[in-house]
Protein backbone atom coordinates (compact mmCIF):
# COMPACT_ATOMS: atom_id res chain seq x y z
CA MET A 1 -154.79 74.51 -83.28
CA ARG A 2 -156.58 76.27 -86.15
CA LYS A 3 -157.07 79.33 -83.92
CA SER A 4 -153.39 79.43 -83.02
CA VAL A 5 -152.26 79.26 -86.64
CA LEU A 6 -154.59 82.12 -87.53
CA LEU A 7 -152.96 84.14 -84.73
CA VAL A 8 -149.55 83.35 -86.21
CA ILE A 9 -150.83 84.51 -89.59
CA VAL A 10 -151.80 87.86 -88.04
CA LEU A 11 -148.53 88.13 -86.14
CA CYS A 12 -146.19 87.22 -88.93
CA THR A 13 -147.57 88.22 -92.34
CA SER A 14 -145.70 90.85 -94.32
CA ILE A 15 -144.16 91.74 -97.65
CA SER A 16 -140.79 93.05 -98.70
CA ILE A 17 -141.30 94.66 -102.10
CA PHE A 18 -141.73 98.12 -100.62
CA SER A 19 -138.73 98.11 -98.30
CA GLN A 20 -136.83 101.36 -98.22
CA LYS A 21 -133.68 101.50 -100.32
CA LYS A 22 -131.42 102.24 -97.32
CA ASP A 23 -133.17 99.75 -95.06
CA GLN A 24 -130.90 97.27 -93.32
CA THR A 25 -131.29 93.51 -93.64
CA LEU A 26 -132.40 91.81 -90.42
CA VAL A 27 -132.66 88.18 -91.51
CA THR A 28 -131.76 86.19 -94.62
CA ILE A 29 -133.43 82.84 -95.43
CA ASP A 30 -131.88 80.93 -98.33
CA GLY A 31 -130.70 84.19 -99.85
CA GLU A 32 -134.07 85.95 -99.48
CA LYS A 33 -133.64 89.09 -97.40
CA THR A 34 -136.07 90.55 -94.86
CA THR A 35 -135.43 94.13 -93.81
CA VAL A 36 -135.63 95.76 -90.40
CA SER A 37 -138.56 97.94 -91.44
CA GLU A 38 -140.48 94.92 -92.71
CA PHE A 39 -140.19 93.15 -89.37
CA LYS A 40 -140.96 96.38 -87.47
CA ARG A 41 -144.15 96.81 -89.48
CA VAL A 42 -145.36 93.34 -88.48
CA TYR A 43 -144.19 93.62 -84.88
CA GLU A 44 -145.64 97.09 -84.23
CA LYS A 45 -148.89 96.21 -85.97
CA ASN A 46 -149.58 93.64 -83.28
CA LEU A 47 -148.19 95.32 -80.15
CA ASP A 48 -151.67 96.46 -79.09
CA ALA A 49 -152.97 92.90 -79.42
CA VAL A 50 -150.64 91.46 -76.73
CA ASP A 51 -150.88 92.11 -73.02
CA ASN A 52 -147.73 90.65 -71.47
CA GLU A 53 -143.98 91.25 -71.69
CA GLU A 54 -143.18 87.73 -72.88
CA ALA A 55 -145.44 88.16 -75.92
CA ARG A 56 -143.72 91.48 -76.65
CA ASP A 57 -140.23 89.97 -76.61
CA VAL A 58 -138.51 91.03 -79.86
CA THR A 59 -136.31 87.93 -80.14
CA LYS A 60 -139.24 85.54 -79.67
CA ASN A 61 -141.30 87.46 -82.21
CA LEU A 62 -138.44 87.24 -84.68
CA GLU A 63 -138.34 83.44 -84.21
CA LEU A 64 -142.09 83.26 -84.91
CA PHE A 65 -141.57 85.46 -87.94
CA ILE A 66 -138.81 83.16 -89.29
CA ASN A 67 -141.03 80.11 -88.72
CA TYR A 68 -143.80 81.81 -90.64
CA LYS A 69 -141.48 82.70 -93.52
CA LEU A 70 -140.29 79.09 -93.71
CA LYS A 71 -143.88 77.80 -93.90
CA VAL A 72 -144.89 80.22 -96.64
CA LYS A 73 -141.73 79.38 -98.56
CA GLU A 74 -142.69 75.70 -98.32
CA ALA A 75 -146.24 76.46 -99.56
CA TYR A 76 -144.86 78.08 -102.72
CA LYS A 77 -142.34 75.26 -103.12
CA ILE A 78 -145.10 72.62 -103.30
CA LYS A 79 -147.15 74.97 -105.54
CA LEU A 80 -150.20 75.45 -103.34
CA ASP A 81 -150.62 78.80 -105.12
CA THR A 82 -151.62 76.89 -108.28
CA LEU A 83 -154.70 75.27 -106.69
CA PRO A 84 -157.95 76.33 -108.47
CA SER A 85 -159.68 76.99 -105.12
CA TYR A 86 -156.82 79.27 -104.07
CA LYS A 87 -156.92 81.18 -107.36
CA ARG A 88 -160.71 81.69 -107.11
CA GLU A 89 -160.46 82.91 -103.52
CA MET A 90 -157.66 85.35 -104.38
CA GLU A 91 -159.52 86.74 -107.39
CA THR A 92 -162.59 87.42 -105.24
CA TYR A 93 -160.49 89.09 -102.57
CA LYS A 94 -158.59 91.20 -105.11
CA ASN A 95 -161.87 92.57 -106.44
CA GLN A 96 -163.07 93.41 -102.92
CA LEU A 97 -159.76 94.95 -101.88
CA SER A 98 -159.34 97.02 -105.05
CA ALA A 99 -162.91 98.41 -105.02
CA PRO A 100 -162.12 101.54 -102.91
CA TYR A 101 -159.21 102.38 -105.24
CA LEU A 102 -161.60 102.34 -108.21
CA GLN A 103 -163.70 105.17 -106.81
CA ASP A 104 -163.18 108.85 -107.44
CA THR A 105 -163.94 110.02 -103.89
CA THR A 106 -164.20 113.69 -104.92
CA PHE A 107 -166.69 112.81 -107.63
CA LEU A 108 -168.60 110.52 -105.25
CA ASP A 109 -168.84 113.32 -102.69
CA LYS A 110 -170.34 115.57 -105.35
CA LEU A 111 -172.90 112.93 -106.33
CA VAL A 112 -173.93 112.53 -102.68
CA LYS A 113 -174.29 116.30 -102.18
CA ASP A 114 -176.30 116.56 -105.40
CA ALA A 115 -178.52 113.71 -104.21
CA TYR A 116 -179.19 115.53 -100.93
CA PHE A 117 -180.14 118.77 -102.71
CA ARG A 118 -182.42 116.79 -105.01
CA THR A 119 -183.98 115.01 -102.05
CA LYS A 120 -184.58 118.28 -100.24
CA ASN A 121 -185.95 120.00 -103.36
CA GLU A 122 -188.51 118.64 -105.84
CA VAL A 123 -188.72 119.58 -109.49
CA LYS A 124 -191.85 119.64 -111.63
CA ALA A 125 -191.29 118.88 -115.31
CA LYS A 126 -192.85 117.63 -118.53
CA HIS A 127 -191.09 115.80 -121.32
CA ILE A 128 -191.18 114.48 -124.87
CA LEU A 129 -189.57 111.16 -125.79
CA ILE A 130 -188.35 109.83 -129.12
CA ARG A 131 -187.40 106.19 -128.65
CA THR A 132 -184.29 104.45 -129.98
CA PRO A 133 -183.90 100.68 -130.46
CA ARG A 134 -182.12 98.78 -127.69
CA ASP A 135 -179.27 97.91 -130.05
CA ALA A 136 -179.34 101.26 -131.85
CA SER A 137 -176.76 101.80 -134.56
CA PRO A 138 -175.10 105.21 -135.03
CA ASN A 139 -177.55 105.85 -137.85
CA ASP A 140 -180.56 105.01 -135.63
CA THR A 141 -179.21 107.37 -133.00
CA LEU A 142 -178.70 110.19 -135.51
CA ILE A 143 -182.24 109.84 -136.89
CA ALA A 144 -183.75 110.03 -133.38
CA TYR A 145 -181.54 113.01 -132.44
CA ASN A 146 -182.47 114.98 -135.56
CA LYS A 147 -186.14 114.26 -134.91
CA ILE A 148 -186.03 115.51 -131.30
CA ILE A 149 -184.07 118.63 -132.36
CA LYS A 150 -186.84 119.54 -134.84
CA ILE A 151 -189.44 119.04 -132.12
CA ARG A 152 -187.49 121.27 -129.73
CA ASN A 153 -187.24 123.98 -132.38
CA ARG A 154 -191.04 123.95 -132.75
CA ILE A 155 -191.45 124.61 -129.03
CA VAL A 156 -188.68 127.22 -128.81
CA ASN A 157 -190.34 129.01 -131.73
CA GLY A 158 -193.62 129.33 -129.84
CA GLU A 159 -195.65 126.12 -130.02
CA ASP A 160 -197.22 124.83 -126.82
CA PHE A 161 -195.10 122.08 -125.18
CA GLU A 162 -198.08 120.02 -124.00
CA ALA A 163 -199.81 120.15 -127.37
CA VAL A 164 -196.65 119.03 -129.15
CA ALA A 165 -196.10 116.27 -126.55
CA ALA A 166 -199.62 114.93 -127.10
CA GLU A 167 -198.94 114.91 -130.84
CA VAL A 168 -195.44 113.44 -131.16
CA SER A 169 -194.14 112.01 -127.87
CA GLU A 170 -193.45 108.27 -127.96
CA ASP A 171 -194.13 107.99 -124.24
CA LYS A 172 -197.55 106.33 -124.31
CA SER A 173 -198.71 108.17 -121.19
CA ALA A 174 -198.59 111.48 -123.11
CA GLN A 175 -201.51 110.52 -125.36
CA GLY A 176 -204.94 109.41 -124.24
CA ASP A 177 -206.64 106.14 -125.13
CA PRO A 178 -210.01 106.67 -126.90
CA LYS A 179 -210.94 103.00 -126.34
CA THR A 180 -210.69 103.18 -122.56
CA GLY A 181 -211.41 106.88 -122.22
CA ARG A 182 -208.10 107.40 -120.44
CA LYS A 183 -206.77 110.93 -120.78
CA GLY A 184 -203.13 111.54 -121.63
CA ASN A 185 -200.84 113.55 -119.38
CA ASN A 186 -199.47 115.66 -122.28
CA GLY A 187 -195.98 114.88 -121.04
CA ASN A 188 -196.59 116.14 -117.50
CA LEU A 189 -194.73 114.13 -114.85
CA GLY A 190 -195.63 116.16 -111.77
CA TYR A 191 -193.13 116.69 -108.97
CA PHE A 192 -190.28 114.27 -108.39
CA SER A 193 -187.00 114.13 -106.46
CA ALA A 194 -183.73 112.20 -106.39
CA PHE A 195 -183.71 108.51 -107.41
CA ARG A 196 -187.23 108.68 -108.84
CA MET A 197 -186.20 108.93 -112.51
CA VAL A 198 -183.37 107.39 -114.50
CA TYR A 199 -180.25 109.41 -113.76
CA PRO A 200 -179.84 111.22 -117.12
CA PHE A 201 -183.45 112.45 -116.76
CA GLU A 202 -182.92 113.55 -113.16
CA GLU A 203 -179.70 115.35 -114.13
CA ALA A 204 -181.38 117.23 -116.99
CA ALA A 205 -184.36 118.20 -114.82
CA TYR A 206 -182.23 119.67 -112.04
CA THR A 207 -179.81 121.48 -114.34
CA THR A 208 -182.45 123.14 -116.55
CA LYS A 209 -183.79 126.49 -115.36
CA VAL A 210 -187.47 126.95 -114.56
CA GLY A 211 -189.39 127.85 -117.74
CA GLU A 212 -186.65 126.67 -120.09
CA VAL A 213 -186.55 123.70 -122.46
CA SER A 214 -183.53 121.44 -122.16
CA MET A 215 -181.28 120.40 -125.00
CA PRO A 216 -181.85 116.79 -126.13
CA PHE A 217 -180.39 114.17 -123.79
CA ARG A 218 -180.29 110.42 -124.02
CA SER A 219 -181.45 107.75 -121.59
CA GLN A 220 -181.90 104.00 -121.97
CA PHE A 221 -185.30 104.72 -123.56
CA GLY A 222 -184.17 107.15 -126.24
CA TYR A 223 -183.86 110.93 -126.65
CA HIS A 224 -185.79 113.37 -124.45
CA ILE A 225 -186.36 117.05 -124.09
CA LEU A 226 -187.98 118.44 -120.98
CA LYS A 227 -189.35 121.70 -119.67
CA VAL A 228 -189.07 122.60 -116.00
CA ASP A 229 -192.21 124.20 -114.57
CA ASP A 230 -191.27 124.60 -110.92
CA VAL A 231 -188.80 123.77 -108.15
CA ARG A 232 -189.99 123.66 -104.55
CA GLU A 233 -188.77 122.46 -101.17
CA SER A 234 -189.67 118.83 -100.65
CA LYS A 235 -192.55 117.98 -98.37
CA GLY A 236 -190.62 114.95 -97.18
CA GLU A 237 -192.24 111.59 -96.67
CA LEU A 238 -195.24 110.60 -94.63
CA GLU A 239 -197.13 107.60 -93.33
CA ALA A 240 -200.79 107.30 -94.23
CA ALA A 241 -203.79 105.00 -94.12
CA HIS A 242 -206.84 104.89 -96.36
CA ILE A 243 -210.28 103.41 -96.81
CA LEU A 244 -211.07 102.38 -100.39
CA ILE A 245 -214.39 101.62 -102.07
CA LEU A 246 -213.66 100.16 -105.50
CA ASP A 247 -216.98 101.14 -107.13
CA THR A 248 -216.36 104.38 -109.07
CA THR A 249 -220.08 105.00 -109.77
CA SER A 250 -222.59 106.94 -107.71
CA LEU A 251 -223.22 103.81 -105.64
CA GLY A 252 -219.56 103.81 -104.62
CA LYS A 253 -219.82 107.49 -103.79
CA LYS A 254 -222.88 106.85 -101.61
CA LYS A 255 -221.10 104.05 -99.74
CA ILE A 256 -217.90 106.06 -99.07
CA PHE A 257 -219.93 108.99 -97.68
CA GLU A 258 -221.77 106.58 -95.40
CA VAL A 259 -218.41 105.42 -94.07
CA TYR A 260 -217.32 109.05 -93.73
CA ASP A 261 -220.41 109.83 -91.62
CA LYS A 262 -219.55 106.91 -89.32
CA LEU A 263 -215.97 108.22 -89.08
CA ILE A 264 -217.18 111.66 -87.94
CA ILE A 265 -219.25 110.00 -85.21
CA ASN A 266 -216.80 107.45 -83.75
CA ASN A 267 -213.44 108.71 -85.12
CA ASN A 268 -212.06 105.14 -85.28
CA PHE A 269 -210.39 105.12 -88.69
CA GLU A 270 -208.57 101.79 -88.25
CA GLU A 271 -211.71 99.93 -87.19
CA LEU A 272 -213.72 101.31 -90.13
CA ALA A 273 -210.88 100.45 -92.55
CA ARG A 274 -210.91 96.83 -91.39
CA GLU A 275 -214.69 96.66 -91.74
CA PHE A 276 -215.36 98.56 -94.98
CA SER A 277 -212.14 99.05 -97.01
CA GLU A 278 -211.89 97.03 -100.21
CA ASP A 279 -208.10 97.31 -100.52
CA PRO A 280 -206.90 93.78 -99.66
CA GLY A 281 -203.31 94.94 -99.16
CA SER A 282 -204.07 97.42 -96.36
CA LYS A 283 -207.51 96.44 -95.03
CA ASN A 284 -206.28 94.11 -92.27
CA LYS A 285 -203.65 96.66 -91.20
CA GLY A 286 -206.24 99.32 -90.45
CA GLY A 287 -205.69 100.86 -93.89
CA ARG A 288 -201.96 101.50 -93.34
CA LEU A 289 -199.97 102.13 -96.53
CA GLY A 290 -196.49 102.61 -95.08
CA LYS A 291 -194.14 105.51 -95.81
CA PHE A 292 -194.01 107.31 -99.18
CA GLY A 293 -193.14 110.66 -100.74
CA PRO A 294 -194.76 112.96 -103.29
CA GLY A 295 -195.40 111.51 -106.73
CA ARG A 296 -195.64 107.91 -105.53
CA MET A 297 -199.43 107.86 -105.64
CA VAL A 298 -201.90 108.97 -108.32
CA LYS A 299 -202.33 112.74 -108.37
CA PRO A 300 -205.76 113.06 -106.63
CA PHE A 301 -204.49 110.84 -103.82
CA ASP A 302 -201.22 112.81 -103.62
CA ASP A 303 -203.11 116.12 -103.51
CA ALA A 304 -205.44 114.91 -100.76
CA ILE A 305 -202.82 113.45 -98.42
CA PHE A 306 -200.27 116.26 -98.79
CA ALA A 307 -203.00 118.84 -98.21
CA LEU A 308 -203.37 117.54 -94.63
CA THR A 309 -201.13 119.54 -92.34
CA GLU A 310 -201.72 117.88 -88.96
CA GLU A 311 -201.07 114.27 -87.99
CA ASN A 312 -204.11 112.09 -87.22
CA THR A 313 -206.43 114.18 -89.39
CA TYR A 314 -208.26 112.77 -92.42
CA SER A 315 -209.63 113.99 -95.73
CA LYS A 316 -213.12 114.17 -97.10
CA PRO A 317 -214.00 111.42 -99.62
CA PHE A 318 -212.36 111.85 -103.04
CA LYS A 319 -212.22 109.86 -106.25
CA THR A 320 -209.32 108.36 -108.22
CA ARG A 321 -209.36 105.93 -111.10
CA PHE A 322 -209.17 103.12 -108.53
CA GLY A 323 -212.32 104.13 -106.65
CA TRP A 324 -213.40 106.33 -103.73
CA HIS A 325 -211.02 107.04 -100.84
CA ILE A 326 -210.76 108.60 -97.43
CA VAL A 327 -207.13 109.12 -96.41
CA LYS A 328 -205.64 109.72 -92.96
CA LEU A 329 -202.26 111.33 -92.21
CA LEU A 330 -200.50 109.23 -89.57
CA LYS A 331 -197.01 110.72 -89.35
CA LYS A 332 -194.83 113.27 -91.13
CA HIS A 333 -191.18 112.58 -91.95
CA PRO A 334 -189.46 115.86 -92.93
CA ILE A 335 -186.13 115.77 -94.77
CA ALA A 336 -183.32 115.16 -92.27
CA SER A 337 -180.01 117.05 -92.21
CA PHE A 338 -177.21 116.20 -94.62
CA ASP A 339 -175.10 114.69 -91.83
CA ASP A 340 -177.97 112.43 -90.79
CA MET A 341 -178.67 111.34 -94.36
CA LYS A 342 -175.11 111.14 -95.70
CA LYS A 343 -174.58 107.43 -95.03
CA GLU A 344 -177.97 106.45 -96.48
CA LEU A 345 -177.49 108.65 -99.56
CA THR A 346 -173.95 107.35 -100.12
CA ASN A 347 -175.26 103.78 -100.15
CA LYS A 348 -178.08 104.77 -102.52
CA VAL A 349 -175.63 106.50 -104.87
CA LYS A 350 -173.33 103.47 -104.88
CA ARG A 351 -176.25 101.18 -105.75
CA SER A 352 -177.63 103.47 -108.46
CA SER A 353 -176.71 103.82 -112.11
CA ARG A 354 -175.06 107.20 -111.41
CA MET A 355 -172.16 105.29 -109.89
CA GLN A 356 -171.16 104.45 -113.44
CA LEU A 357 -170.26 108.13 -113.79
CA SER A 358 -167.73 107.70 -110.97
CA ASP A 359 -166.29 104.67 -112.79
CA LYS A 360 -166.18 106.75 -115.98
CA ALA A 361 -164.40 109.56 -114.15
CA ILE A 362 -161.71 107.11 -113.00
CA ILE A 363 -161.34 105.68 -116.52
CA ASN A 364 -161.08 109.15 -118.07
CA LYS A 365 -158.37 110.06 -115.57
CA LEU A 366 -156.47 106.84 -116.36
CA LYS A 367 -156.76 107.51 -120.09
CA LYS A 368 -154.85 110.74 -119.50
CA ASP A 369 -152.23 109.02 -117.36
CA TYR A 370 -151.66 105.99 -119.61
CA LYS A 371 -150.28 105.75 -123.11
CA ILE A 372 -153.10 104.05 -125.05
CA VAL A 373 -152.50 103.28 -128.72
CA GLU A 374 -155.19 101.80 -130.99
CA ASN A 375 -154.17 99.79 -134.06
CA GLU A 376 -156.52 101.05 -136.78
CA ASP A 377 -155.64 98.21 -139.17
CA ALA A 378 -156.42 95.60 -136.52
CA LYS A 379 -159.68 97.40 -135.69
CA LYS A 380 -160.98 96.80 -139.21
CA ILE A 381 -162.32 93.43 -138.00
CA LEU A 382 -165.09 95.44 -136.28
CA ASN A 383 -166.64 95.96 -139.72
CA ARG A 384 -166.83 92.25 -140.54
CA LYS A 385 -170.24 90.55 -140.31
CA ASN A 386 -168.79 87.18 -139.31
CA LEU A 387 -166.73 88.78 -136.55
CA ARG A 388 -167.36 86.10 -133.90
CA SER A 389 -166.49 83.21 -136.23
CA ILE A 390 -163.08 84.48 -137.42
CA PRO A 391 -160.49 81.71 -136.86
CA LYS A 392 -158.26 82.13 -133.82
CA ASP A 393 -155.10 82.08 -135.96
CA SER A 394 -156.31 85.22 -137.76
CA LEU A 395 -156.84 87.18 -134.52
CA GLN A 396 -153.29 87.53 -133.21
CA ASN A 397 -152.70 91.19 -134.08
CA VAL A 398 -152.60 93.77 -131.29
CA ILE A 399 -155.86 95.73 -131.37
CA PHE A 400 -154.67 98.30 -128.81
CA SER A 401 -152.04 98.68 -126.11
CA ILE A 402 -151.96 100.24 -122.63
CA ASN A 403 -148.42 101.34 -121.79
CA ASP A 404 -146.42 98.09 -122.07
CA LYS A 405 -149.43 95.74 -122.19
CA SER A 406 -150.75 94.52 -125.54
CA ILE A 407 -154.36 93.40 -126.06
CA SER A 408 -155.04 91.18 -129.04
CA GLN A 409 -157.95 90.85 -131.41
CA GLU A 410 -158.55 87.43 -129.88
CA ASP A 411 -159.01 89.01 -126.43
CA PHE A 412 -161.70 91.27 -127.86
CA ILE A 413 -163.54 88.42 -129.60
CA LYS A 414 -163.61 86.43 -126.33
CA TYR A 415 -165.16 89.46 -124.64
CA ILE A 416 -167.96 89.92 -127.19
CA ARG A 417 -168.73 86.25 -127.90
CA ASN A 418 -171.81 86.13 -125.66
CA ARG A 419 -172.69 89.81 -125.93
CA ARG A 420 -174.88 89.91 -129.03
CA HIS A 421 -177.42 92.63 -128.27
CA ILE A 422 -175.02 95.58 -128.18
CA PRO A 423 -173.49 97.16 -131.30
CA VAL A 424 -169.87 96.12 -131.97
CA PHE A 425 -168.54 99.69 -131.84
CA ALA A 426 -170.09 100.12 -128.37
CA LEU A 427 -168.67 96.76 -127.26
CA PHE A 428 -165.20 97.87 -128.31
CA ASP A 429 -165.43 100.97 -126.12
CA MET A 430 -166.74 98.87 -123.21
CA PHE A 431 -163.92 96.36 -123.71
CA LYS A 432 -161.29 99.08 -123.80
CA ASP A 433 -162.62 100.63 -120.58
CA GLN A 434 -162.62 97.23 -118.89
CA GLU A 435 -159.02 96.56 -119.93
CA ILE A 436 -157.93 99.97 -118.64
CA LEU A 437 -159.45 99.17 -115.23
CA THR A 438 -157.91 95.69 -115.30
CA TYR A 439 -154.48 97.17 -116.04
CA TYR A 440 -154.93 99.63 -113.18
CA LYS A 441 -155.87 96.83 -110.76
CA GLU A 442 -152.97 94.65 -111.91
CA ASN A 443 -150.55 97.49 -111.16
CA LEU A 444 -151.98 98.49 -107.78
CA ILE A 445 -149.31 96.43 -106.04
CA TYR A 446 -146.70 98.77 -107.52
CA THR A 447 -148.56 102.04 -106.95
CA GLU A 448 -150.36 101.49 -103.62
CA PRO A 449 -148.12 100.06 -100.86
CA GLU A 450 -150.93 99.49 -98.38
CA TYR A 451 -152.90 97.54 -100.96
CA ALA A 452 -149.85 95.41 -101.72
CA TYR A 453 -149.17 94.69 -98.04
CA THR A 454 -152.79 93.71 -97.36
CA LEU A 455 -153.04 91.55 -100.47
CA GLN A 456 -149.81 89.71 -99.64
CA GLU A 457 -150.98 89.12 -96.07
CA TYR A 458 -154.17 87.52 -97.32
CA GLU A 459 -152.37 85.53 -99.99
CA ASP A 460 -149.80 84.13 -97.57
CA GLY A 461 -152.47 83.49 -94.96
CA LEU A 462 -154.52 81.39 -97.39
CA LEU A 463 -151.44 79.41 -98.39
CA LEU A 464 -150.44 78.83 -94.77
CA PHE A 465 -153.92 77.62 -93.85
CA GLU A 466 -153.89 75.11 -96.73
CA LEU A 467 -150.36 74.03 -95.81
CA MET A 468 -151.29 73.45 -92.16
CA GLN A 469 -154.35 71.53 -93.31
CA GLN A 470 -152.17 69.16 -95.31
CA LYS A 471 -149.11 68.89 -93.07
CA ILE A 472 -150.63 68.94 -89.57
CA TRP A 473 -154.43 68.87 -89.19
CA ASN A 474 -155.31 66.17 -91.72
CA LYS A 475 -152.25 64.13 -90.75
CA SER A 476 -153.08 64.18 -87.04
CA ALA A 477 -156.77 63.42 -87.67
CA ASN A 478 -155.95 60.37 -89.79
CA ASP A 479 -152.98 59.07 -87.82
CA SER A 480 -154.64 57.10 -84.97
CA ILE A 481 -151.50 54.99 -84.46
CA GLY A 482 -149.28 58.08 -84.14
CA LEU A 483 -151.78 59.72 -81.76
CA LYS A 484 -151.89 56.60 -79.54
CA LYS A 485 -148.10 56.37 -79.50
CA TYR A 486 -147.82 60.07 -78.54
CA PHE A 487 -150.35 59.53 -75.73
CA ASP A 488 -148.49 56.47 -74.39
CA VAL A 489 -145.14 58.28 -74.36
CA ASN A 490 -146.61 61.35 -72.61
CA SER A 491 -149.26 59.66 -70.44
CA THR A 492 -147.72 60.95 -67.19
CA LYS A 493 -148.83 64.52 -67.95
CA TYR A 494 -152.51 63.59 -68.36
CA LYS A 495 -154.87 62.95 -65.43
CA SER A 496 -156.93 60.38 -67.28
CA LYS A 497 -155.34 57.18 -68.46
CA GLU A 498 -158.01 56.63 -71.13
CA LEU A 499 -157.28 58.34 -74.48
CA GLU A 500 -160.93 58.55 -75.59
CA LYS A 501 -161.90 60.63 -72.56
CA ILE A 502 -159.31 63.36 -73.28
CA LYS A 503 -158.86 62.89 -77.01
CA GLY A 504 -159.39 66.58 -77.84
CA GLU A 505 -156.68 67.71 -75.44
CA VAL A 506 -154.26 65.05 -76.64
CA MET A 507 -155.02 65.83 -80.29
CA ASN A 508 -154.15 69.49 -79.73
CA ASP A 509 -150.86 68.57 -78.03
CA TYR A 510 -150.07 66.06 -80.79
CA GLN A 511 -150.61 68.73 -83.45
CA ASN A 512 -148.24 71.06 -81.59
CA PHE A 513 -145.71 68.24 -81.43
CA LEU A 514 -145.98 67.56 -85.17
CA GLU A 515 -145.63 71.25 -85.97
CA LYS A 516 -142.50 71.61 -83.84
CA GLU A 517 -140.91 68.62 -85.55
CA TRP A 518 -141.88 69.97 -88.96
CA ILE A 519 -140.50 73.45 -88.19
CA ALA A 520 -137.26 71.89 -86.94
CA ALA A 521 -136.94 69.99 -90.24
CA LEU A 522 -137.60 73.15 -92.27
CA ARG A 523 -134.92 74.97 -90.27
CA ARG A 524 -132.41 72.16 -90.85
CA GLU A 525 -133.08 72.31 -94.60
CA SER A 526 -132.70 76.12 -94.77
CA LYS A 527 -129.82 78.50 -94.35
CA ILE A 528 -130.93 81.19 -91.89
CA LYS A 529 -128.78 84.15 -90.93
CA VAL A 530 -129.85 86.83 -88.41
CA ASP A 531 -127.90 90.09 -88.29
CA LYS A 532 -127.26 90.21 -84.53
CA ARG A 533 -126.16 93.84 -84.65
CA GLN A 534 -129.48 94.92 -86.17
CA LEU A 535 -131.37 92.71 -83.68
CA LYS A 536 -129.60 94.36 -80.73
CA LYS A 537 -130.48 97.80 -82.12
CA LEU A 538 -134.13 96.74 -82.38
CA ILE A 539 -134.23 95.41 -78.83
CA LYS A 540 -132.67 98.63 -77.52
CA PHE A 541 -135.05 100.75 -79.59
CA TYR A 542 -138.15 99.09 -78.11
CA GLU A 543 -136.73 99.07 -74.58
CA GLU A 544 -136.26 102.84 -74.79
CA ARG A 545 -139.77 103.27 -76.13
């Protein structure tokens, strides 16, 4: 029975708010009109799903459609649309359904193409960082910006970038550590490609010319400047295995060369890795490290593995800060074509922080389309220290409006109440952007017909399912007396004379019986008028097709 009602939902759902102005009325139920085009939309949508002439019969489909309309009308009448579970389900579905409309597809396409170029080509850069606090005020931001500008001027005027980085950069890796003897990298980051750095850093690196120093740019860490040293075609990814001896002294060196001598004799890398490697993560896998690209390993390791040009060849022993290694190249994975990588890159872009730029592009477009007015007097509450404890009665002024929608000070305070680690002025901008998107989503039913149709179908379908649950399924399941009476009256059509043996079959028939009686009652209580002239035209139209 549940399956059949879901089929009816598919067959009969529709919406009338987008009917054409000159569209003729086909059926009227208690004064509510349904147009010819509305019925045709539902009927034609499901023609491919039926495989016999009886199921294609226009008159029978119209009767099903009327039954459906009566049920949905009843669901609204008894206020099933006010159930908390229904509201939660609809809110979730709205967010899912509206998601594609909140994407700037042109901008997304550009991000994906950029990501492919930056996957196919690696950039080598060095940088200097001046940090800003997580909850930086405008003054904090200005101080950091002025500081990084002065540093950039020093380099542009001739000072060595690496020397200045070692002196002033607040990235700890730039300076060495005298206590441990660790050398600093002087700001050098080596080669990297798409998705390896935070997006603002990646963007600056790929848009700055080789040999030039970028203008200051901001990331979540603070302000940076960078200098691009080189751009080269990516070497792709590869699979490798290694043998590691953790001892970095001469004893470790002696041991790794002994292993290397054994490797030259028997050429069984995997066996030697299992026996001698001291890397617990790869030892039992024959030294296998999986797939990785340039810059993922420490530089000596990177240099050694990417220097191997043929698969199944191995390096001579070399040293990193972790110990002594021998590395074997197992398989090369060159960069695939754009068409082959497009789906993967699109998913990566959507999951990355750069997708916020697409959201921002949509918001900026909407800001141009909408009339947005800020109330400067009402905004003065942003300067108050006790902002979150202002009484509700004092927060009723409109803080800004979007077209005909007003947003109050109270709405803003609710938004920021549990957001205490972001400056208030930044929260206001975030709140405004959120409200613009909310307004856009709320009005999608008026601007996007297909969205409105699909949303109404889902909404009515949920209501109908809940209605059937209450009126038919639960009733039949709990009405053992009614079920037994139905079985006794109709016993001649069943082979078995024992109800328990065929209870499922009888239950299904009993539910159909209850539904027919219920539909008959709904029809008696409603005034239904079908325009027979329009129905005849429809029948003729589909016969000719």
